[in-house]
Amino acid sequence: QDVTERMEAVKLMKKFLTVMPDHFPIAFVRSLVATSSVTKDSFRRIAIDLLRELSLVNSEVVHRCYGFRALLEAALDPSLHDIAESIIVTILQLVGNPRRGENTSDIFDQRVLVSFSFVLFV
């Protein structure tokens, strides 16, 4: 039953992300951030992916809930090495876009991200 309820919650979040990303509930983001930090959670990758998608359309709400920190921690986690590249690309897109990057500049040192992305892609 827990898995069914969580899947329904994910569907609802995806619907919000598609229909009303500017009004994405903070409670949902906090839940995604919390889930993304639990290494043995079966929904961890789903939460990280939703955070990535949301950060591209509503970076403000992700910023307020420490979602960028969660994304960076996920990118550095060896158990998630297969999705680290996509996480870093998302972060670099945010930092590289002045309109989207306004909430990321105070969180990420761009020099660190560039160095980190160099390590990932070499």
PDB file of N, CA and C in Angstrom:
ATOM      1  N   GLN A   1       0.829  -1.195   0.000  1.00  0.00           N
ATOM      2  CA  GLN A   1       0.000   0.000   0.000  1.00  0.00           C
ATOM      3  C   GLN A   1       0.874   1.259   0.000  1.00  0.00           C
ATOM      4  N   ASP A   2       1.960   1.242   0.747  1.00  0.00           N
ATOM      5  CA  ASP A   2       2.850   2.396   0.795  1.00  0.00           C
ATOM      6  C   ASP A   2       3.377   2.739  -0.592  1.00  0.00           C
ATOM      7  N   VAL A   3       3.755   1.731  -1.352  1.00  0.00           N
ATOM      8  CA  VAL A   3       4.286   1.960  -2.697  1.00  0.00           C
ATOM      9  C   VAL A   3       3.203   2.552  -3.595  1.00  0.00           C
ATOM     10  N   THR A   4       1.994   2.055  -3.488  1.00  0.00           N
ATOM     11  CA  THR A   4       0.883   2.568  -4.289  1.00  0.00           C
ATOM     12  C   THR A   4       0.625   4.042  -3.968  1.00  0.00           C
ATOM     13  N   GLU A   5       0.609   4.377  -2.694  1.00  0.00           N
ATOM     14  CA  GLU A   5       0.383   5.763  -2.294  1.00  0.00           C
ATOM     15  C   GLU A   5       1.507   6.670  -2.785  1.00  0.00           C
ATOM     16  N   ARG A   6       2.722   6.184  -2.712  1.00  0.00           N
ATOM     17  CA  ARG A   6       3.853   6.985  -3.174  1.00  0.00           C
ATOM     18  C   ARG A   6       3.817   7.176  -4.685  1.00  0.00           C
ATOM     19  N   MET A   7       3.412   6.147  -5.409  1.00  0.00           N
ATOM     20  CA  MET A   7       3.295   6.273  -6.865  1.00  0.00           C
ATOM     21  C   MET A   7       2.215   7.298  -7.221  1.00  0.00           C
ATOM     22  N   GLU A   8       1.125   7.293  -6.501  1.00  0.00           N
ATOM     23  CA  GLU A   8       0.069   8.283  -6.747  1.00  0.00           C
ATOM     24  C   GLU A   8       0.572   9.694  -6.431  1.00  0.00           C
ATOM     25  N   ALA A   9       1.367   9.823  -5.380  1.00  0.00           N
ATOM     26  CA  ALA A   9       1.946  11.130  -5.046  1.00  0.00           C
ATOM     27  C   ALA A   9       2.889  11.597  -6.157  1.00  0.00           C
ATOM     28  N   VAL A  10       3.672  10.680  -6.707  1.00  0.00           N
ATOM     29  CA  VAL A  10       4.580  11.019  -7.813  1.00  0.00           C
ATOM     30  C   VAL A  10       3.771  11.471  -9.028  1.00  0.00           C
ATOM     31  N   LYS A  11       2.682  10.773  -9.326  1.00  0.00           N
ATOM     32  CA  LYS A  11       1.832  11.171 -10.456  1.00  0.00           C
ATOM     33  C   LYS A  11       1.273  12.582 -10.249  1.00  0.00           C
ATOM     34  N   LEU A  12       0.854  12.867  -9.024  1.00  0.00           N
ATOM     35  CA  LEU A  12       0.326  14.195  -8.716  1.00  0.00           C
ATOM     36  C   LEU A  12       1.408  15.264  -8.880  1.00  0.00           C
ATOM     37  N   MET A  13       2.606  14.958  -8.400  1.00  0.00           N
ATOM     38  CA  MET A  13       3.710  15.909  -8.541  1.00  0.00           C
ATOM     39  C   MET A  13       4.044  16.151 -10.008  1.00  0.00           C
ATOM     40  N   LYS A  14       4.048  15.095 -10.797  1.00  0.00           N
ATOM     41  CA  LYS A  14       4.335  15.247 -12.226  1.00  0.00           C
ATOM     42  C   LYS A  14       3.265  16.090 -12.910  1.00  0.00           C
ATOM     43  N   LYS A  15       2.028  15.934 -12.482  1.00  0.00           N
ATOM     44  CA  LYS A  15       0.934  16.731 -13.048  1.00  0.00           C
ATOM     45  C   LYS A  15       1.124  18.208 -12.699  1.00  0.00           C
ATOM     46  N   PHE A  16       1.456  18.483 -11.438  1.00  0.00           N
ATOM     47  CA  PHE A  16       1.747  19.867 -11.042  1.00  0.00           C
ATOM     48  C   PHE A  16       2.907  20.422 -11.857  1.00  0.00           C
ATOM     49  N   LEU A  17       3.931  19.610 -12.044  1.00  0.00           N
ATOM     50  CA  LEU A  17       5.116  20.034 -12.785  1.00  0.00           C
ATOM     51  C   LEU A  17       4.764  20.395 -14.217  1.00  0.00           C
ATOM     52  N   THR A  18       3.831  19.674 -14.791  1.00  0.00           N
ATOM     53  CA  THR A  18       3.432  19.914 -16.170  1.00  0.00           C
ATOM     54  C   THR A  18       2.442  21.073 -16.298  1.00  0.00           C
ATOM     55  N   VAL A  19       1.461  21.097 -15.427  1.00  0.00           N
ATOM     56  CA  VAL A  19       0.361  22.052 -15.561  1.00  0.00           C
ATOM     57  C   VAL A  19       0.642  23.386 -14.862  1.00  0.00           C
ATOM     58  N   MET A  20       1.179  23.329 -13.653  1.00  0.00           N
ATOM     59  CA  MET A  20       1.373  24.557 -12.860  1.00  0.00           C
ATOM     60  C   MET A  20       2.727  24.570 -12.161  1.00  0.00           C
ATOM     61  N   PRO A  21       3.820  24.581 -12.893  1.00  0.00           N
ATOM     62  CA  PRO A  21       5.132  24.538 -12.222  1.00  0.00           C
ATOM     63  C   PRO A  21       5.398  25.749 -11.330  1.00  0.00           C
ATOM     64  N   ASP A  22       4.797  26.893 -11.638  1.00  0.00           N
ATOM     65  CA  ASP A  22       5.002  28.081 -10.813  1.00  0.00           C
ATOM     66  C   ASP A  22       4.297  27.995  -9.463  1.00  0.00           C
ATOM     67  N   HIS A  23       3.377  27.066  -9.340  1.00  0.00           N
ATOM     68  CA  HIS A  23       2.626  26.898  -8.094  1.00  0.00           C
ATOM     69  C   HIS A  23       2.904  25.536  -7.461  1.00  0.00           C
ATOM     70  N   PHE A  24       4.065  24.983  -7.757  1.00  0.00           N
ATOM     71  CA  PHE A  24       4.432  23.679  -7.201  1.00  0.00           C
ATOM     72  C   PHE A  24       4.530  23.811  -5.679  1.00  0.00           C
ATOM     73  N   PRO A  25       3.786  22.994  -4.940  1.00  0.00           N
ATOM     74  CA  PRO A  25       3.745  23.135  -3.476  1.00  0.00           C
ATOM     75  C   PRO A  25       5.098  22.888  -2.802  1.00  0.00           C
ATOM     76  N   ILE A  26       5.434  23.739  -1.867  1.00  0.00           N
ATOM     77  CA  ILE A  26       6.681  23.612  -1.115  1.00  0.00           C
ATOM     78  C   ILE A  26       6.723  22.279  -0.371  1.00  0.00           C
ATOM     79  N   ALA A  27       5.605  21.818   0.110  1.00  0.00           N
ATOM     80  CA  ALA A  27       5.577  20.534   0.825  1.00  0.00           C
ATOM     81  C   ALA A  27       6.044  19.397  -0.086  1.00  0.00           C
ATOM     82  N   PHE A  28       5.678  19.461  -1.358  1.00  0.00           N
ATOM     83  CA  PHE A  28       6.136  18.445  -2.311  1.00  0.00           C
ATOM     84  C   PHE A  28       7.656  18.515  -2.464  1.00  0.00           C
ATOM     85  N   VAL A  29       8.178  19.727  -2.576  1.00  0.00           N
ATOM     86  CA  VAL A  29       9.626  19.887  -2.764  1.00  0.00           C
ATOM     87  C   VAL A  29      10.373  19.383  -1.536  1.00  0.00           C
ATOM     88  N   ARG A  30       9.891  19.722  -0.379  1.00  0.00           N
ATOM     89  CA  ARG A  30      10.531  19.238   0.856  1.00  0.00           C
ATOM     90  C   ARG A  30      10.524  17.713   0.910  1.00  0.00           C
ATOM     91  N   SER A  31       9.452  17.123   0.474  1.00  0.00           N
ATOM     92  CA  SER A  31       9.367  15.666   0.429  1.00  0.00           C
ATOM     93  C   SER A  31      10.383  15.087  -0.557  1.00  0.00           C
ATOM     94  N   LEU A  32      10.516  15.730  -1.721  1.00  0.00           N
ATOM     95  CA  LEU A  32      11.491  15.269  -2.717  1.00  0.00           C
ATOM     96  C   LEU A  32      12.914  15.394  -2.190  1.00  0.00           C
ATOM     97  N   VAL A  33      13.208  16.503  -1.531  1.00  0.00           N
ATOM     98  CA  VAL A  33      14.552  16.713  -0.978  1.00  0.00           C
ATOM     99  C   VAL A  33      14.841  15.655   0.089  1.00  0.00           C
ATOM    100  N   ALA A  34      13.887  15.407   0.957  1.00  0.00           N
ATOM    101  CA  ALA A  34      14.083  14.403   2.007  1.00  0.00           C
ATOM    102  C   ALA A  34      14.282  13.016   1.408  1.00  0.00           C
ATOM    103  N   THR A  35      13.470  12.671   0.443  1.00  0.00           N
ATOM    104  CA  THR A  35      13.571  11.350  -0.186  1.00  0.00           C
ATOM    105  C   THR A  35      14.885  11.199  -0.933  1.00  0.00           C
ATOM    106  N   SER A  36      15.355  12.258  -1.552  1.00  0.00           N
ATOM    107  CA  SER A  36      16.600  12.185  -2.321  1.00  0.00           C
ATOM    108  C   SER A  36      17.820  11.956  -1.439  1.00  0.00           C
ATOM    109  N   SER A  37      17.698  12.200  -0.154  1.00  0.00           N
ATOM    110  CA  SER A  37      18.841  12.029   0.745  1.00  0.00           C
ATOM    111  C   SER A  37      18.876  10.673   1.439  1.00  0.00           C
ATOM    112  N   VAL A  38      17.850   9.864   1.252  1.00  0.00           N
ATOM    113  CA  VAL A  38      17.793   8.543   1.889  1.00  0.00           C
ATOM    114  C   VAL A  38      18.343   7.514   0.910  1.00  0.00           C
ATOM    115  N   THR A  39      19.528   7.003   1.207  1.00  0.00           N
ATOM    116  CA  THR A  39      20.221   6.149   0.240  1.00  0.00           C
ATOM    117  C   THR A  39      19.489   4.849  -0.077  1.00  0.00           C
ATOM    118  N   LYS A  40      18.751   4.310   0.850  1.00  0.00           N
ATOM    119  CA  LYS A  40      18.074   3.034   0.608  1.00  0.00           C
ATOM    120  C   LYS A  40      16.614   3.181   0.189  1.00  0.00           C
ATOM    121  N   ASP A  41      16.189   4.390  -0.080  1.00  0.00           N
ATOM    122  CA  ASP A  41      14.800   4.631  -0.479  1.00  0.00           C
ATOM    123  C   ASP A  41      14.619   4.248  -1.943  1.00  0.00           C
ATOM    124  N   SER A  42      13.637   3.428  -2.222  1.00  0.00           N
ATOM    125  CA  SER A  42      13.393   2.970  -3.598  1.00  0.00           C
ATOM    126  C   SER A  42      12.898   4.091  -4.510  1.00  0.00           C
ATOM    127  N   PHE A  43      12.460   5.189  -3.938  1.00  0.00           N
ATOM    128  CA  PHE A  43      11.981   6.331  -4.724  1.00  0.00           C
ATOM    129  C   PHE A  43      13.034   7.434  -4.850  1.00  0.00           C
ATOM    130  N   ARG A  44      14.240   7.156  -4.390  1.00  0.00           N
ATOM    131  CA  ARG A  44      15.285   8.174  -4.386  1.00  0.00           C
ATOM    132  C   ARG A  44      15.557   8.725  -5.781  1.00  0.00           C
ATOM    133  N   ARG A  45      15.739   7.862  -6.741  1.00  0.00           N
ATOM    134  CA  ARG A  45      16.048   8.305  -8.105  1.00  0.00           C
ATOM    135  C   ARG A  45      14.882   9.087  -8.721  1.00  0.00           C
ATOM    136  N   ILE A  46      13.688   8.677  -8.398  1.00  0.00           N
ATOM    137  CA  ILE A  46      12.506   9.396  -8.890  1.00  0.00           C
ATOM    138  C   ILE A  46      12.487  10.802  -8.301  1.00  0.00           C
ATOM    139  N   ALA A  47      12.771  10.901  -7.006  1.00  0.00           N
ATOM    140  CA  ALA A  47      12.788  12.209  -6.337  1.00  0.00           C
ATOM    141  C   ALA A  47      13.858  13.117  -6.943  1.00  0.00           C
ATOM    142  N   ILE A  48      15.028  12.562  -7.200  1.00  0.00           N
ATOM    143  CA  ILE A  48      16.115  13.351  -7.791  1.00  0.00           C
ATOM    144  C   ILE A  48      15.722  13.816  -9.186  1.00  0.00           C
ATOM    145  N   ASP A  49      15.132  12.939  -9.948  1.00  0.00           N
ATOM    146  CA  ASP A  49      14.717  13.313 -11.304  1.00  0.00           C
ATOM    147  C   ASP A  49      13.652  14.415 -11.278  1.00  0.00           C
ATOM    148  N   LEU A  50      12.703  14.310 -10.369  1.00  0.00           N
ATOM    149  CA  LEU A  50      11.683  15.359 -10.252  1.00  0.00           C
ATOM    150  C   LEU A  50      12.298  16.683  -9.806  1.00  0.00           C
ATOM    151  N   LEU A  51      13.257  16.631  -8.896  1.00  0.00           N
ATOM    152  CA  LEU A  51      13.953  17.859  -8.488  1.00  0.00           C
ATOM    153  C   LEU A  51      14.686  18.486  -9.663  1.00  0.00           C
ATOM    154  N   ARG A  52      15.330  17.653 -10.477  1.00  0.00           N
ATOM    155  CA  ARG A  52      16.031  18.164 -11.654  1.00  0.00           C
ATOM    156  C   ARG A  52      15.063  18.869 -12.595  1.00  0.00           C
ATOM    157  N   GLU A  53      13.955  18.202 -12.892  1.00  0.00           N
ATOM    158  CA  GLU A  53      12.958  18.785 -13.796  1.00  0.00           C
ATOM    159  C   GLU A  53      12.397  20.085 -13.227  1.00  0.00           C
ATOM    160  N   LEU A  54      12.064  20.062 -11.954  1.00  0.00           N
ATOM    161  CA  LEU A  54      11.479  21.241 -11.315  1.00  0.00           C
ATOM    162  C   LEU A  54      12.472  22.403 -11.285  1.00  0.00           C
ATOM    163  N   SER A  55      13.730  22.108 -11.062  1.00  0.00           N
ATOM    164  CA  SER A  55      14.720  23.179 -10.979  1.00  0.00           C
ATOM    165  C   SER A  55      14.827  23.959 -12.282  1.00  0.00           C
ATOM    166  N   LEU A  56      14.502  23.322 -13.395  1.00  0.00           N
ATOM    167  CA  LEU A  56      14.573  23.997 -14.685  1.00  0.00           C
ATOM    168  C   LEU A  56      13.370  24.908 -14.956  1.00  0.00           C
ATOM    169  N   VAL A  57      12.262  24.651 -14.291  1.00  0.00           N
ATOM    170  CA  VAL A  57      11.066  25.463 -14.536  1.00  0.00           C
ATOM    171  C   VAL A  57      10.664  26.339 -13.336  1.00  0.00           C
ATOM    172  N   ASN A  58      11.151  25.995 -12.150  1.00  0.00           N
ATOM    173  CA  ASN A  58      10.834  26.789 -10.964  1.00  0.00           C
ATOM    174  C   ASN A  58      12.005  26.684  -9.978  1.00  0.00           C
ATOM    175  N   SER A  59      13.085  27.351 -10.317  1.00  0.00           N
ATOM    176  CA  SER A  59      14.293  27.256  -9.491  1.00  0.00           C
ATOM    177  C   SER A  59      14.091  27.895  -8.115  1.00  0.00           C
ATOM    178  N   GLU A  60      13.189  28.842  -8.014  1.00  0.00           N
ATOM    179  CA  GLU A  60      12.965  29.541  -6.739  1.00  0.00           C
ATOM    180  C   GLU A  60      12.508  28.572  -5.651  1.00  0.00           C
ATOM    181  N   VAL A  61      11.527  27.739  -5.948  1.00  0.00           N
ATOM    182  CA  VAL A  61      11.010  26.823  -4.928  1.00  0.00           C
ATOM    183  C   VAL A  61      12.054  25.761  -4.584  1.00  0.00           C
ATOM    184  N   VAL A  62      12.834  25.348  -5.543  1.00  0.00           N
ATOM    185  CA  VAL A  62      13.907  24.381  -5.281  1.00  0.00           C
ATOM    186  C   VAL A  62      14.964  25.022  -4.385  1.00  0.00           C
ATOM    187  N   HIS A  63      15.285  26.262  -4.662  1.00  0.00           N
ATOM    188  CA  HIS A  63      16.257  27.012  -3.856  1.00  0.00           C
ATOM    189  C   HIS A  63      15.792  27.143  -2.406  1.00  0.00           C
ATOM    190  N   ARG A  64      14.547  27.507  -2.201  1.00  0.00           N
ATOM    191  CA  ARG A  64      14.022  27.721  -0.845  1.00  0.00           C
ATOM    192  C   ARG A  64      14.027  26.455  -0.007  1.00  0.00           C
ATOM    193  N   CYS A  65      13.977  25.296  -0.646  1.00  0.00           N
ATOM    194  CA  CYS A  65      13.914  24.024   0.078  1.00  0.00           C
ATOM    195  C   CYS A  65      15.239  23.264   0.064  1.00  0.00           C
ATOM    196  N   TYR A  66      16.315  23.954  -0.291  1.00  0.00           N
ATOM    197  CA  TYR A  66      17.651  23.354  -0.334  1.00  0.00           C
ATOM    198  C   TYR A  66      17.750  22.200  -1.334  1.00  0.00           C
ATOM    199  N   GLY A  67      16.985  22.304  -2.397  1.00  0.00           N
ATOM    200  CA  GLY A  67      16.997  21.273  -3.424  1.00  0.00           C
ATOM    201  C   GLY A  67      18.279  21.238  -4.224  1.00  0.00           C
ATOM    202  N   PHE A  68      18.942  22.388  -4.392  1.00  0.00           N
ATOM    203  CA  PHE A  68      20.197  22.402  -5.132  1.00  0.00           C
ATOM    204  C   PHE A  68      21.284  21.658  -4.366  1.00  0.00           C
ATOM    205  N   ARG A  69      21.276  21.820  -3.062  1.00  0.00           N
ATOM    206  CA  ARG A  69      22.229  21.075  -2.234  1.00  0.00           C
ATOM    207  C   ARG A  69      21.968  19.576  -2.374  1.00  0.00           C
ATOM    208  N   ALA A  70      20.704  19.188  -2.372  1.00  0.00           N
ATOM    209  CA  ALA A  70      20.358  17.770  -2.525  1.00  0.00           C
ATOM    210  C   ALA A  70      20.815  17.241  -3.878  1.00  0.00           C
ATOM    211  N   LEU A  71      20.658  18.053  -4.923  1.00  0.00           N
ATOM    212  CA  LEU A  71      21.107  17.624  -6.253  1.00  0.00           C
ATOM    213  C   LEU A  71      22.624  17.466  -6.299  1.00  0.00           C
ATOM    214  N   LEU A  72      23.332  18.408  -5.722  1.00  0.00           N
ATOM    215  CA  LEU A  72      24.790  18.331  -5.731  1.00  0.00           C
ATOM    216  C   LEU A  72      25.274  17.129  -4.922  1.00  0.00           C
ATOM    217  N   GLU A  73      24.662  16.884  -3.786  1.00  0.00           N
ATOM    218  CA  GLU A  73      25.028  15.713  -2.981  1.00  0.00           C
ATOM    219  C   GLU A  73      24.749  14.418  -3.739  1.00  0.00           C
ATOM    220  N   ALA A  74      23.657  14.392  -4.476  1.00  0.00           N
ATOM    221  CA  ALA A  74      23.342  13.202  -5.278  1.00  0.00           C
ATOM    222  C   ALA A  74      24.382  13.002  -6.378  1.00  0.00           C
ATOM    223  N   ALA A  75      24.820  14.107  -6.981  1.00  0.00           N
ATOM    224  CA  ALA A  75      25.822  14.007  -8.041  1.00  0.00           C
ATOM    225  C   ALA A  75      27.147  13.479  -7.507  1.00  0.00           C
ATOM    226  N   LEU A  76      27.433  13.745  -6.249  1.00  0.00           N
ATOM    227  CA  LEU A  76      28.690  13.304  -5.643  1.00  0.00           C
ATOM    228  C   LEU A  76      28.608  11.908  -5.037  1.00  0.00           C
ATOM    229  N   ASP A  77      27.420  11.344  -4.971  1.00  0.00           N
ATOM    230  CA  ASP A  77      27.216  10.033  -4.369  1.00  0.00           C
ATOM    231  C   ASP A  77      27.657   8.934  -5.342  1.00  0.00           C
ATOM    232  N   PRO A  78      28.638   8.123  -4.970  1.00  0.00           N
ATOM    233  CA  PRO A  78      29.122   7.065  -5.870  1.00  0.00           C
ATOM    234  C   PRO A  78      28.041   6.060  -6.276  1.00  0.00           C
ATOM    235  N   SER A  79      27.053   5.865  -5.431  1.00  0.00           N
ATOM    236  CA  SER A  79      25.996   4.902  -5.781  1.00  0.00           C
ATOM    237  C   SER A  79      25.080   5.430  -6.887  1.00  0.00           C
ATOM    238  N   LEU A  80      25.188   6.709  -7.194  1.00  0.00           N
ATOM    239  CA  LEU A  80      24.376   7.316  -8.252  1.00  0.00           C
ATOM    240  C   LEU A  80      25.236   7.761  -9.433  1.00  0.00           C
ATOM    241  N   HIS A  81      26.389   7.115  -9.600  1.00  0.00           N
ATOM    242  CA  HIS A  81      27.315   7.530 -10.655  1.00  0.00           C
ATOM    243  C   HIS A  81      26.687   7.509 -12.046  1.00  0.00           C
ATOM    244  N   ASP A  82      25.696   6.649 -12.251  1.00  0.00           N
ATOM    245  CA  ASP A  82      25.071   6.547 -13.573  1.00  0.00           C
ATOM    246  C   ASP A  82      24.181   7.739 -13.916  1.00  0.00           C
ATOM    247  N   ILE A  83      23.741   8.495 -12.920  1.00  0.00           N
ATOM    248  CA  ILE A  83      22.913   9.677 -13.206  1.00  0.00           C
ATOM    249  C   ILE A  83      23.610  10.983 -12.837  1.00  0.00           C
ATOM    250  N   ALA A  84      24.837  10.889 -12.347  1.00  0.00           N
ATOM    251  CA  ALA A  84      25.579  12.085 -11.933  1.00  0.00           C
ATOM    252  C   ALA A  84      25.748  13.060 -13.087  1.00  0.00           C
ATOM    253  N   GLU A  85      26.018  12.549 -14.263  1.00  0.00           N
ATOM    254  CA  GLU A  85      26.227  13.427 -15.413  1.00  0.00           C
ATOM    255  C   GLU A  85      24.987  14.268 -15.706  1.00  0.00           C
ATOM    256  N   SER A  86      23.816  13.657 -15.686  1.00  0.00           N
ATOM    257  CA  SER A  86      22.594  14.413 -15.979  1.00  0.00           C
ATOM    258  C   SER A  86      22.295  15.440 -14.885  1.00  0.00           C
ATOM    259  N   ILE A  87      22.636  15.117 -13.653  1.00  0.00           N
ATOM    260  CA  ILE A  87      22.437  16.074 -12.564  1.00  0.00           C
ATOM    261  C   ILE A  87      23.351  17.280 -12.754  1.00  0.00           C
ATOM    262  N   ILE A  88      24.608  17.029 -13.054  1.00  0.00           N
ATOM    263  CA  ILE A  88      25.569  18.120 -13.245  1.00  0.00           C
ATOM    264  C   ILE A  88      25.200  18.965 -14.459  1.00  0.00           C
ATOM    265  N   VAL A  89      24.749  18.331 -15.529  1.00  0.00           N
ATOM    266  CA  VAL A  89      24.324  19.095 -16.708  1.00  0.00           C
ATOM    267  C   VAL A  89      23.167  20.025 -16.343  1.00  0.00           C
ATOM    268  N   THR A  90      22.230  19.541 -15.555  1.00  0.00           N
ATOM    269  CA  THR A  90      21.115  20.378 -15.106  1.00  0.00           C
ATOM    270  C   THR A  90      21.625  21.573 -14.299  1.00  0.00           C
ATOM    271  N   ILE A  91      22.525  21.315 -13.354  1.00  0.00           N
ATOM    272  CA  ILE A  91      23.059  22.391 -12.530  1.00  0.00           C
ATOM    273  C   ILE A  91      23.814  23.398 -13.390  1.00  0.00           C
ATOM    274  N   LEU A  92      24.608  22.919 -14.336  1.00  0.00           N
ATOM    275  CA  LEU A  92      25.353  23.818 -15.215  1.00  0.00           C
ATOM    276  C   LEU A  92      24.413  24.642 -16.095  1.00  0.00           C
ATOM    277  N   GLN A  93      23.308  24.052 -16.530  1.00  0.00           N
ATOM    278  CA  GLN A  93      22.315  24.811 -17.299  1.00  0.00           C
ATOM    279  C   GLN A  93      21.751  25.949 -16.460  1.00  0.00           C
ATOM    280  N   LEU A  94      21.497  25.667 -15.200  1.00  0.00           N
ATOM    281  CA  LEU A  94      20.954  26.697 -14.310  1.00  0.00           C
ATOM    282  C   LEU A  94      21.958  27.809 -14.067  1.00  0.00           C
ATOM    283  N   VAL A  95      23.179  27.444 -13.804  1.00  0.00           N
ATOM    284  CA  VAL A  95      24.212  28.436 -13.533  1.00  0.00           C
ATOM    285  C   VAL A  95      24.529  29.232 -14.791  1.00  0.00           C
ATOM    286  N   GLY A  96      24.476  28.580 -15.942  1.00  0.00           N
ATOM    287  CA  GLY A  96      24.811  29.239 -17.195  1.00  0.00           C
ATOM    288  C   GLY A  96      23.723  30.127 -17.759  1.00  0.00           C
ATOM    289  N   ASN A  97      22.524  30.035 -17.241  1.00  0.00           N
ATOM    290  CA  ASN A  97      21.407  30.839 -17.715  1.00  0.00           C
ATOM    291  C   ASN A  97      21.152  31.954 -16.712  1.00  0.00           C
ATOM    292  N   PRO A  98      21.387  33.212 -17.090  1.00  0.00           N
ATOM    293  CA  PRO A  98      21.243  34.320 -16.130  1.00  0.00           C
ATOM    294  C   PRO A  98      19.859  34.392 -15.478  1.00  0.00           C
ATOM    295  N   ARG A  99      18.815  34.104 -16.232  1.00  0.00           N
ATOM    296  CA  ARG A  99      17.473  34.197 -15.661  1.00  0.00           C
ATOM    297  C   ARG A  99      17.230  33.072 -14.662  1.00  0.00           C
ATOM    298  N   ARG A 100      17.597  31.860 -15.028  1.00  0.00           N
ATOM    299  CA  ARG A 100      17.403  30.726 -14.120  1.00  0.00           C
ATOM    300  C   ARG A 100      18.447  30.685 -13.025  1.00  0.00           C
ATOM    301  N   GLY A 101      19.645  31.167 -13.336  1.00  0.00           N
ATOM    302  CA  GLY A 101      20.754  31.034 -12.417  1.00  0.00           C
ATOM    303  C   GLY A 101      20.764  32.002 -11.263  1.00  0.00           C
ATOM    304  N   GLU A 102      19.807  32.922 -11.225  1.00  0.00           N
ATOM    305  CA  GLU A 102      19.817  33.922 -10.159  1.00  0.00           C
ATOM    306  C   GLU A 102      19.724  33.287  -8.778  1.00  0.00           C
ATOM    307  N   ASN A 103      19.079  32.124  -8.666  1.00  0.00           N
ATOM    308  CA  ASN A 103      18.949  31.458  -7.372  1.00  0.00           C
ATOM    309  C   ASN A 103      20.079  30.480  -7.100  1.00  0.00           C
ATOM    310  N   THR A 104      20.892  30.214  -8.095  1.00  0.00           N
ATOM    311  CA  THR A 104      21.957  29.241  -7.910  1.00  0.00           C
ATOM    312  C   THR A 104      23.303  29.884  -7.664  1.00  0.00           C
ATOM    313  N   SER A 105      23.462  31.140  -8.043  1.00  0.00           N
ATOM    314  CA  SER A 105      24.778  31.763  -7.944  1.00  0.00           C
ATOM    315  C   SER A 105      25.266  31.860  -6.508  1.00  0.00           C
ATOM    316  N   ASP A 106      24.363  32.017  -5.555  1.00  0.00           N
ATOM    317  CA  ASP A 106      24.797  32.106  -4.167  1.00  0.00           C
ATOM    318  C   ASP A 106      24.993  30.736  -3.519  1.00  0.00           C
ATOM    319  N   ILE A 107      24.637  29.676  -4.206  1.00  0.00           N
ATOM    320  CA  ILE A 107      24.755  28.331  -3.657  1.00  0.00           C
ATOM    321  C   ILE A 107      25.976  27.617  -4.219  1.00  0.00           C
ATOM    322  N   PHE A 108      26.189  27.777  -5.505  1.00  0.00           N
ATOM    323  CA  PHE A 108      27.253  27.042  -6.176  1.00  0.00           C
ATOM    324  C   PHE A 108      28.389  27.966  -6.562  1.00  0.00           C
ATOM    325  N   ASP A 109      29.568  27.575  -6.228  1.00  0.00           N
ATOM    326  CA  ASP A 109      30.752  28.259  -6.722  1.00  0.00           C
ATOM    327  C   ASP A 109      30.974  27.741  -8.139  1.00  0.00           C
ATOM    328  N   GLN A 110      30.842  28.592  -9.111  1.00  0.00           N
ATOM    329  CA  GLN A 110      30.910  28.166 -10.501  1.00  0.00           C
ATOM    330  C   GLN A 110      32.236  27.499 -10.832  1.00  0.00           C
ATOM    331  N   ARG A 111      33.306  27.933 -10.203  1.00  0.00           N
ATOM    332  CA  ARG A 111      34.608  27.305 -10.462  1.00  0.00           C
ATOM    333  C   ARG A 111      34.591  25.849 -10.027  1.00  0.00           C
ATOM    334  N   VAL A 112      33.943  25.565  -8.904  1.00  0.00           N
ATOM    335  CA  VAL A 112      33.855  24.186  -8.425  1.00  0.00           C
ATOM    336  C   VAL A 112      33.046  23.350  -9.403  1.00  0.00           C
ATOM    337  N   LEU A 113      31.939  23.891  -9.887  1.00  0.00           N
ATOM    338  CA  LEU A 113      31.112  23.150 -10.830  1.00  0.00           C
ATOM    339  C   LEU A 113      31.841  22.867 -12.136  1.00  0.00           C
ATOM    340  N   VAL A 114      32.550  23.842 -12.639  1.00  0.00           N
ATOM    341  CA  VAL A 114      33.291  23.637 -13.880  1.00  0.00           C
ATOM    342  C   VAL A 114      34.361  22.565 -13.677  1.00  0.00           C
ATOM    343  N   SER A 115      35.068  22.630 -12.559  1.00  0.00           N
ATOM    344  CA  SER A 115      36.085  21.620 -12.265  1.00  0.00           C
ATOM    345  C   SER A 115      35.447  20.247 -12.134  1.00  0.00           C
ATOM    346  N   PHE A 116      34.322  20.205 -11.437  1.00  0.00           N
ATOM    347  CA  PHE A 116      33.646  18.938 -11.223  1.00  0.00           C
ATOM    348  C   PHE A 116      33.136  18.373 -12.544  1.00  0.00           C
ATOM    349  N   SER A 117      32.569  19.213 -13.400  1.00  0.00           N
ATOM    350  CA  SER A 117      32.063  18.731 -14.674  1.00  0.00           C
ATOM    351  C   SER A 117      33.214  18.251 -15.558  1.00  0.00           C
ATOM    352  N   PHE A 118      34.382  18.887 -15.443  1.00  0.00           N
ATOM    353  CA  PHE A 118      35.548  18.437 -16.202  1.00  0.00           C
ATOM    354  C   PHE A 118      35.918  17.013 -15.794  1.00  0.00           C
ATOM    355  N   VAL A 119      35.904  16.745 -14.492  1.00  0.00           N
ATOM    356  CA  VAL A 119      36.222  15.403 -14.002  1.00  0.00           C
ATOM    357  C   VAL A 119      35.211  14.395 -14.516  1.00  0.00           C
ATOM    358  N   LEU A 120      33.943  14.763 -14.536  1.00  0.00           N
ATOM    359  CA  LEU A 120      32.895  13.839 -14.985  1.00  0.00           C
ATOM    360  C   LEU A 120      33.010  13.497 -16.464  1.00  0.00           C
ATOM    361  N   PHE A 121      33.332  14.464 -17.277  1.00  0.00           N
ATOM    362  CA  PHE A 121      33.278  14.262 -18.721  1.00  0.00           C
ATOM    363  C   PHE A 121      34.594  13.802 -19.327  1.00  0.00           C
ATOM    364  N   VAL A 122      35.650  13.747 -18.532  1.00  0.00           N
ATOM    365  CA  VAL A 122      36.954  13.319 -19.080  1.00  0.00           C
ATOM    366  C   VAL A 122      37.096  11.833 -18.953  1.00  0.00           C
TER     367      VAL A 122
END
